[in-house]
Structure formats: C-alpha cells, structure tokens
Amino acid sequence: MVIRSRVVFVGDATVGKSALAKTFCQGPSGFSKSYVMTQGCEVLDKLWKLNNRQIDFQIIDTSGQTIFRDITAEMVKPT
C-alpha cells in the first residue's frame, strides 16, 4: 500500500522554502548555493519508506512573489 501525500510550501520570498524542499527530496547536496529563485512553482517527488509502508510525497515549492499567486492556487487544487 502506498500512501500519497501532497505538501505545499508557501511563504514569503527568500525564507528557505526551496532549500527545505530540495534537501528533503535530494539530501543535503540537493540544494545549490547558487540557486536561482523559484518562478511560479516547482513540483518535486519523494518516495519514502516508513514502518514498512511507502509514502509518496508530491512537494510543491511555490514562489514567494505575489504575481504567481494564481499559479499557486491552481497547483494546490485536489486531483
């Protein structure tokens, strides 16, 4: 059985949403110090095994800029 979970990172620009998302999905080396700011949103996937169950995380890393608010709202609608 696979548990599916969608996690959305929202917040002001330059607070570390992308760093947290990439570190969770790819480990400490996943986030580059020369990272380019997220435009709109980025979707990352992480399959994690916990207590003999698989959890499939869909991480949505949103831009902190208000101009992308409509894109963010569309990405977080239930599927």
PDB file of N, CA and C in Angstrom:
ATOM      1  N   MET A   1       0.839  -1.180   0.000  1.00  0.00           N
ATOM      2  CA  MET A   1       0.000   0.000   0.000  1.00  0.00           C
ATOM      3  C   MET A   1       0.883   1.243   0.000  1.00  0.00           C
ATOM      4  N   VAL A   2       0.584   2.165  -0.909  1.00  0.00           N
ATOM      5  CA  VAL A   2       1.318   3.419  -0.985  1.00  0.00           C
ATOM      6  C   VAL A   2       0.406   4.542  -0.510  1.00  0.00           C
ATOM      7  N   ILE A   3       0.897   5.318   0.425  1.00  0.00           N
ATOM      8  CA  ILE A   3       0.172   6.484   0.916  1.00  0.00           C
ATOM      9  C   ILE A   3       0.638   7.678   0.098  1.00  0.00           C
ATOM     10  N   ARG A   4      -0.286   8.398  -0.496  1.00  0.00           N
ATOM     11  CA  ARG A   4       0.070   9.558  -1.306  1.00  0.00           C
ATOM     12  C   ARG A   4      -0.240  10.831  -0.519  1.00  0.00           C
ATOM     13  N   SER A   5       0.720  11.748  -0.560  1.00  0.00           N
ATOM     14  CA  SER A   5       0.582  12.981   0.189  1.00  0.00           C
ATOM     15  C   SER A   5       1.065  14.153  -0.649  1.00  0.00           C
ATOM     16  N   ARG A   6       0.331  15.239  -0.630  1.00  0.00           N
ATOM     17  CA  ARG A   6       0.741  16.457  -1.325  1.00  0.00           C
ATOM     18  C   ARG A   6       1.074  17.494  -0.262  1.00  0.00           C
ATOM     19  N   VAL A   7       2.273  18.057  -0.357  1.00  0.00           N
ATOM     20  CA  VAL A   7       2.731  19.056   0.596  1.00  0.00           C
ATOM     21  C   VAL A   7       3.051  20.321  -0.191  1.00  0.00           C
ATOM     22  N   VAL A   8       2.506  21.442   0.239  1.00  0.00           N
ATOM     23  CA  VAL A   8       2.725  22.711  -0.449  1.00  0.00           C
ATOM     24  C   VAL A   8       3.507  23.633   0.474  1.00  0.00           C
ATOM     25  N   PHE A   9       4.629  24.149  -0.041  1.00  0.00           N
ATOM     26  CA  PHE A   9       5.436  25.103   0.710  1.00  0.00           C
ATOM     27  C   PHE A   9       5.044  26.501   0.244  1.00  0.00           C
ATOM     28  N   VAL A  10       4.512  27.308   1.145  1.00  0.00           N
ATOM     29  CA  VAL A  10       4.130  28.682   0.833  1.00  0.00           C
ATOM     30  C   VAL A  10       4.792  29.605   1.847  1.00  0.00           C
ATOM     31  N   GLY A  11       5.022  30.823   1.455  1.00  0.00           N
ATOM     32  CA  GLY A  11       5.621  31.800   2.352  1.00  0.00           C
ATOM     33  C   GLY A  11       6.276  32.908   1.560  1.00  0.00           C
ATOM     34  N   ASP A  12       6.813  33.850   2.270  1.00  0.00           N
ATOM     35  CA  ASP A  12       7.486  34.987   1.640  1.00  0.00           C
ATOM     36  C   ASP A  12       8.695  34.529   0.843  1.00  0.00           C
ATOM     37  N   ALA A  13       9.118  35.379  -0.077  1.00  0.00           N
ATOM     38  CA  ALA A  13      10.312  35.108  -0.879  1.00  0.00           C
ATOM     39  C   ALA A  13      11.546  35.072   0.028  1.00  0.00           C
ATOM     40  N   THR A  14      12.499  34.256  -0.331  1.00  0.00           N
ATOM     41  CA  THR A  14      13.824  34.127   0.299  1.00  0.00           C
ATOM     42  C   THR A  14      13.798  33.671   1.759  1.00  0.00           C
ATOM     43  N   VAL A  15      12.809  32.865   2.142  1.00  0.00           N
ATOM     44  CA  VAL A  15      12.785  32.349   3.512  1.00  0.00           C
ATOM     45  C   VAL A  15      13.312  30.921   3.622  1.00  0.00           C
ATOM     46  N   GLY A  16      13.555  30.248   2.466  1.00  0.00           N
ATOM     47  CA  GLY A  16      14.136  28.916   2.500  1.00  0.00           C
ATOM     48  C   GLY A  16      13.213  27.787   2.094  1.00  0.00           C
ATOM     49  N   LYS A  17      12.098  28.100   1.446  1.00  0.00           N
ATOM     50  CA  LYS A  17      11.161  27.051   1.025  1.00  0.00           C
ATOM     51  C   LYS A  17      11.837  26.064   0.071  1.00  0.00           C
ATOM     52  N   SER A  18      12.547  26.579  -0.918  1.00  0.00           N
ATOM     53  CA  SER A  18      13.217  25.718  -1.900  1.00  0.00           C
ATOM     54  C   SER A  18      14.333  24.907  -1.262  1.00  0.00           C
ATOM     55  N   ALA A  19      15.079  25.525  -0.371  1.00  0.00           N
ATOM     56  CA  ALA A  19      16.162  24.809   0.312  1.00  0.00           C
ATOM     57  C   ALA A  19      15.602  23.634   1.114  1.00  0.00           C
ATOM     58  N   LEU A  20      14.512  23.855   1.803  1.00  0.00           N
ATOM     59  CA  LEU A  20      13.883  22.799   2.598  1.00  0.00           C
ATOM     60  C   LEU A  20      13.349  21.686   1.700  1.00  0.00           C
ATOM     61  N   ALA A  21      12.652  22.059   0.620  1.00  0.00           N
ATOM     62  CA  ALA A  21      12.079  21.071  -0.291  1.00  0.00           C
ATOM     63  C   ALA A  21      13.155  20.227  -0.957  1.00  0.00           C
ATOM     64  N   LYS A  22      14.186  20.877  -1.485  1.00  0.00           N
ATOM     65  CA  LYS A  22      15.246  20.143  -2.183  1.00  0.00           C
ATOM     66  C   LYS A  22      16.072  19.285  -1.224  1.00  0.00           C
ATOM     67  N   THR A  23      16.307  19.773  -0.018  1.00  0.00           N
ATOM     68  CA  THR A  23      17.053  18.986   0.954  1.00  0.00           C
ATOM     69  C   THR A  23      16.256  17.750   1.359  1.00  0.00           C
ATOM     70  N   PHE A  24      14.949  17.880   1.529  1.00  0.00           N
ATOM     71  CA  PHE A  24      14.112  16.732   1.863  1.00  0.00           C
ATOM     72  C   PHE A  24      14.111  15.705   0.735  1.00  0.00           C
ATOM     73  N   CYS A  25      13.987  16.169  -0.503  1.00  0.00           N
ATOM     74  CA  CYS A  25      13.856  15.259  -1.643  1.00  0.00           C
ATOM     75  C   CYS A  25      15.186  14.674  -2.112  1.00  0.00           C
ATOM     76  N   GLN A  26      16.270  15.440  -2.036  1.00  0.00           N
ATOM     77  CA  GLN A  26      17.540  15.016  -2.628  1.00  0.00           C
ATOM     78  C   GLN A  26      18.688  14.913  -1.637  1.00  0.00           C
ATOM     79  N   GLY A  27      18.439  15.195  -0.380  1.00  0.00           N
ATOM     80  CA  GLY A  27      19.505  15.147   0.607  1.00  0.00           C
ATOM     81  C   GLY A  27      20.231  16.477   0.692  1.00  0.00           C
ATOM     82  N   PRO A  28      21.201  16.594   1.595  1.00  0.00           N
ATOM     83  CA  PRO A  28      21.898  17.866   1.814  1.00  0.00           C
ATOM     84  C   PRO A  28      22.592  18.422   0.577  1.00  0.00           C
ATOM     85  N   SER A  29      22.992  17.569  -0.331  1.00  0.00           N
ATOM     86  CA  SER A  29      23.689  18.064  -1.523  1.00  0.00           C
ATOM     87  C   SER A  29      22.712  18.493  -2.623  1.00  0.00           C
ATOM     88  N   GLY A  30      21.416  18.377  -2.388  1.00  0.00           N
ATOM     89  CA  GLY A  30      20.416  18.690  -3.404  1.00  0.00           C
ATOM     90  C   GLY A  30      20.211  20.162  -3.664  1.00  0.00           C
ATOM     91  N   PHE A  31      20.564  20.997  -2.709  1.00  0.00           N
ATOM     92  CA  PHE A  31      20.344  22.435  -2.873  1.00  0.00           C
ATOM     93  C   PHE A  31      21.658  23.140  -3.117  1.00  0.00           C
ATOM     94  N   SER A  32      21.744  23.815  -4.239  1.00  0.00           N
ATOM     95  CA  SER A  32      22.954  24.532  -4.618  1.00  0.00           C
ATOM     96  C   SER A  32      22.959  25.927  -3.999  1.00  0.00           C
ATOM     97  N   LYS A  33      24.122  26.381  -3.580  1.00  0.00           N
ATOM     98  CA  LYS A  33      24.228  27.728  -3.016  1.00  0.00           C
ATOM     99  C   LYS A  33      24.049  28.797  -4.089  1.00  0.00           C
ATOM    100  N   SER A  34      24.187  28.415  -5.359  1.00  0.00           N
ATOM    101  CA  SER A  34      23.979  29.372  -6.452  1.00  0.00           C
ATOM    102  C   SER A  34      22.605  29.167  -7.079  1.00  0.00           C
ATOM    103  N   TYR A  35      21.627  28.837  -6.270  1.00  0.00           N
ATOM    104  CA  TYR A  35      20.272  28.535  -6.714  1.00  0.00           C
ATOM    105  C   TYR A  35      19.597  29.774  -7.297  1.00  0.00           C
ATOM    106  N   VAL A  36      18.852  29.568  -8.378  1.00  0.00           N
ATOM    107  CA  VAL A  36      18.070  30.643  -8.988  1.00  0.00           C
ATOM    108  C   VAL A  36      16.668  30.613  -8.374  1.00  0.00           C
ATOM    109  N   MET A  37      16.171  31.769  -8.014  1.00  0.00           N
ATOM    110  CA  MET A  37      14.880  31.897  -7.335  1.00  0.00           C
ATOM    111  C   MET A  37      13.752  31.202  -8.111  1.00  0.00           C
ATOM    112  N   THR A  38      12.881  30.516  -7.394  1.00  0.00           N
ATOM    113  CA  THR A  38      11.755  29.797  -7.991  1.00  0.00           C
ATOM    114  C   THR A  38      10.801  30.782  -8.666  1.00  0.00           C
ATOM    115  N   GLN A  39      10.405  30.464  -9.899  1.00  0.00           N
ATOM    116  CA  GLN A  39       9.425  31.268 -10.631  1.00  0.00           C
ATOM    117  C   GLN A  39       8.153  30.433 -10.750  1.00  0.00           C
ATOM    118  N   GLY A  40       7.063  30.892 -10.178  1.00  0.00           N
ATOM    119  CA  GLY A  40       5.820  30.124 -10.200  1.00  0.00           C
ATOM    120  C   GLY A  40       5.872  29.041  -9.145  1.00  0.00           C
ATOM    121  N   CYS A  41       5.963  27.809  -9.575  1.00  0.00           N
ATOM    122  CA  CYS A  41       6.135  26.719  -8.624  1.00  0.00           C
ATOM    123  C   CYS A  41       6.883  25.569  -9.276  1.00  0.00           C
ATOM    124  N   GLU A  42       7.486  24.776  -8.431  1.00  0.00           N
ATOM    125  CA  GLU A  42       8.246  23.612  -8.856  1.00  0.00           C
ATOM    126  C   GLU A  42       7.681  22.404  -8.115  1.00  0.00           C
ATOM    127  N   VAL A  43       7.525  21.300  -8.830  1.00  0.00           N
ATOM    128  CA  VAL A  43       6.985  20.088  -8.226  1.00  0.00           C
ATOM    129  C   VAL A  43       8.105  19.057  -8.095  1.00  0.00           C
ATOM    130  N   LEU A  44       8.279  18.545  -6.888  1.00  0.00           N
ATOM    131  CA  LEU A  44       9.295  17.533  -6.600  1.00  0.00           C
ATOM    132  C   LEU A  44       8.596  16.292  -6.055  1.00  0.00           C
ATOM    133  N   ASP A  45       9.188  15.142  -6.271  1.00  0.00           N
ATOM    134  CA  ASP A  45       8.631  13.895  -5.752  1.00  0.00           C
ATOM    135  C   ASP A  45       9.636  13.206  -4.844  1.00  0.00           C
ATOM    136  N   LYS A  46       9.119  12.569  -3.816  1.00  0.00           N
ATOM    137  CA  LYS A  46       9.957  11.813  -2.883  1.00  0.00           C
ATOM    138  C   LYS A  46       9.182  10.568  -2.449  1.00  0.00           C
ATOM    139  N   LEU A  47       9.765   9.408  -2.669  1.00  0.00           N
ATOM    140  CA  LEU A  47       9.182   8.161  -2.190  1.00  0.00           C
ATOM    141  C   LEU A  47       9.951   7.777  -0.938  1.00  0.00           C
ATOM    142  N   TRP A  48       9.247   7.621   0.151  1.00  0.00           N
ATOM    143  CA  TRP A  48       9.875   7.405   1.450  1.00  0.00           C
ATOM    144  C   TRP A  48       9.261   6.169   2.082  1.00  0.00           C
ATOM    145  N   LYS A  49      10.077   5.335   2.680  1.00  0.00           N
ATOM    146  CA  LYS A  49       9.599   4.134   3.353  1.00  0.00           C
ATOM    147  C   LYS A  49       9.652   4.375   4.861  1.00  0.00           C
ATOM    148  N   LEU A  50       8.518   4.145   5.517  1.00  0.00           N
ATOM    149  CA  LEU A  50       8.413   4.368   6.951  1.00  0.00           C
ATOM    150  C   LEU A  50       7.556   3.265   7.542  1.00  0.00           C
ATOM    151  N   ASN A  51       8.109   2.525   8.488  1.00  0.00           N
ATOM    152  CA  ASN A  51       7.378   1.426   9.148  1.00  0.00           C
ATOM    153  C   ASN A  51       6.770   0.459   8.134  1.00  0.00           C
ATOM    154  N   ASN A  52       7.567   0.029   7.174  1.00  0.00           N
ATOM    155  CA  ASN A  52       7.158  -0.924   6.136  1.00  0.00           C
ATOM    156  C   ASN A  52       6.020  -0.414   5.243  1.00  0.00           C
ATOM    157  N   ARG A  53       5.822   0.872   5.188  1.00  0.00           N
ATOM    158  CA  ARG A  53       4.846   1.479   4.284  1.00  0.00           C
ATOM    159  C   ARG A  53       5.565   2.496   3.419  1.00  0.00           C
ATOM    160  N   GLN A  54       5.110   2.620   2.195  1.00  0.00           N
ATOM    161  CA  GLN A  54       5.688   3.613   1.298  1.00  0.00           C
ATOM    162  C   GLN A  54       4.811   4.849   1.286  1.00  0.00           C
ATOM    163  N   ILE A  55       5.455   5.999   1.411  1.00  0.00           N
ATOM    164  CA  ILE A  55       4.755   7.277   1.337  1.00  0.00           C
ATOM    165  C   ILE A  55       5.286   8.012   0.125  1.00  0.00           C
ATOM    166  N   ASP A  56       4.398   8.388  -0.766  1.00  0.00           N
ATOM    167  CA  ASP A  56       4.758   9.119  -1.962  1.00  0.00           C
ATOM    168  C   ASP A  56       4.411  10.589  -1.735  1.00  0.00           C
ATOM    169  N   PHE A  57       5.434  11.403  -1.540  1.00  0.00           N
ATOM    170  CA  PHE A  57       5.237  12.830  -1.318  1.00  0.00           C
ATOM    171  C   PHE A  57       5.316  13.566  -2.640  1.00  0.00           C
ATOM    172  N   GLN A  58       4.365  14.421  -2.897  1.00  0.00           N
ATOM    173  CA  GLN A  58       4.446  15.363  -4.002  1.00  0.00           C
ATOM    174  C   GLN A  58       4.648  16.719  -3.328  1.00  0.00           C
ATOM    175  N   ILE A  59       5.841  17.267  -3.487  1.00  0.00           N
ATOM    176  CA  ILE A  59       6.205  18.524  -2.850  1.00  0.00           C
ATOM    177  C   ILE A  59       6.009  19.641  -3.868  1.00  0.00           C
ATOM    178  N   ILE A  60       5.210  20.622  -3.531  1.00  0.00           N
ATOM    179  CA  ILE A  60       5.009  21.774  -4.405  1.00  0.00           C
ATOM    180  C   ILE A  60       5.696  22.964  -3.741  1.00  0.00           C
ATOM    181  N   ASP A  61       6.748  23.421  -4.385  1.00  0.00           N
ATOM    182  CA  ASP A  61       7.549  24.538  -3.896  1.00  0.00           C
ATOM    183  C   ASP A  61       7.085  25.784  -4.641  1.00  0.00           C
ATOM    184  N   THR A  62       6.441  26.699  -3.932  1.00  0.00           N
ATOM    185  CA  THR A  62       5.865  27.878  -4.573  1.00  0.00           C
ATOM    186  C   THR A  62       6.807  29.067  -4.503  1.00  0.00           C
ATOM    187  N   SER A  63       6.609  29.978  -5.419  1.00  0.00           N
ATOM    188  CA  SER A  63       7.339  31.236  -5.407  1.00  0.00           C
ATOM    189  C   SER A  63       6.751  32.122  -4.322  1.00  0.00           C
ATOM    190  N   GLY A  64       7.563  32.918  -3.695  1.00  0.00           N
ATOM    191  CA  GLY A  64       7.070  33.843  -2.680  1.00  0.00           C
ATOM    192  C   GLY A  64       6.560  35.138  -3.263  1.00  0.00           C
ATOM    193  N   GLN A  65       6.592  35.271  -4.585  1.00  0.00           N
ATOM    194  CA  GLN A  65       6.173  36.519  -5.216  1.00  0.00           C
ATOM    195  C   GLN A  65       4.664  36.502  -5.441  1.00  0.00           C
ATOM    196  N   THR A  66       3.998  37.587  -5.117  1.00  0.00           N
ATOM    197  CA  THR A  66       2.542  37.648  -5.218  1.00  0.00           C
ATOM    198  C   THR A  66       2.048  37.543  -6.652  1.00  0.00           C
ATOM    199  N   ILE A  67       2.873  37.868  -7.627  1.00  0.00           N
ATOM    200  CA  ILE A  67       2.466  37.789  -9.025  1.00  0.00           C
ATOM    201  C   ILE A  67       2.121  36.348  -9.434  1.00  0.00           C
ATOM    202  N   PHE A  68       2.657  35.354  -8.736  1.00  0.00           N
ATOM    203  CA  PHE A  68       2.429  33.950  -9.061  1.00  0.00           C
ATOM    204  C   PHE A  68       1.337  33.316  -8.204  1.00  0.00           C
ATOM    205  N   ARG A  69       0.568  34.091  -7.490  1.00  0.00           N
ATOM    206  CA  ARG A  69      -0.457  33.569  -6.583  1.00  0.00           C
ATOM    207  C   ARG A  69      -1.504  32.720  -7.318  1.00  0.00           C
ATOM    208  N   ASP A  70      -1.916  33.136  -8.522  1.00  0.00           N
ATOM    209  CA  ASP A  70      -2.911  32.367  -9.282  1.00  0.00           C
ATOM    210  C   ASP A  70      -2.375  31.009  -9.698  1.00  0.00           C
ATOM    211  N   ILE A  71      -1.112  30.940 -10.103  1.00  0.00           N
ATOM    212  CA  ILE A  71      -0.495  29.674 -10.484  1.00  0.00           C
ATOM    213  C   ILE A  71      -0.456  28.746  -9.272  1.00  0.00           C
ATOM    214  N   THR A  72      -0.081  29.289  -8.136  1.00  0.00           N
ATOM    215  CA  THR A  72      -0.001  28.502  -6.906  1.00  0.00           C
ATOM    216  C   THR A  72      -1.370  27.953  -6.530  1.00  0.00           C
ATOM    217  N   ALA A  73      -2.408  28.770  -6.619  1.00  0.00           N
ATOM    218  CA  ALA A  73      -3.759  28.326  -6.281  1.00  0.00           C
ATOM    219  C   ALA A  73      -4.196  27.188  -7.187  1.00  0.00           C
ATOM    220  N   GLU A  74      -3.839  27.235  -8.455  1.00  0.00           N
ATOM    221  CA  GLU A  74      -4.210  26.185  -9.395  1.00  0.00           C
ATOM    222  C   GLU A  74      -3.479  24.871  -9.074  1.00  0.00           C
ATOM    223  N   MET A  75      -2.224  24.938  -8.646  1.00  0.00           N
ATOM    224  CA  MET A  75      -1.424  23.748  -8.356  1.00  0.00           C
ATOM    225  C   MET A  75      -1.917  22.998  -7.128  1.00  0.00           C
ATOM    226  N   VAL A  76      -2.533  23.670  -6.183  1.00  0.00           N
ATOM    227  CA  VAL A  76      -2.902  23.002  -4.935  1.00  0.00           C
ATOM    228  C   VAL A  76      -4.330  22.461  -4.928  1.00  0.00           C
ATOM    229  N   LYS A  77      -5.040  22.592  -6.045  1.00  0.00           N
ATOM    230  CA  LYS A  77      -6.382  22.021  -6.119  1.00  0.00           C
ATOM    231  C   LYS A  77      -6.306  20.517  -6.027  1.00  0.00           C
ATOM    232  N   PRO A  78      -7.246  19.871  -5.335  1.00  0.00           N
ATOM    233  CA  PRO A  78      -7.244  18.414  -5.243  1.00  0.00           C
ATOM    234  C   PRO A  78      -7.387  17.760  -6.618  1.00  0.00           C
ATOM    235  N   THR A  79      -6.735  16.611  -6.795  1.00  0.00           N
ATOM    236  CA  THR A  79      -6.825  15.895  -8.069  1.00  0.00           C
ATOM    237  C   THR A  79      -7.825  14.779  -7.981  1.00  0.00           C
TER     238      THR A  79
END
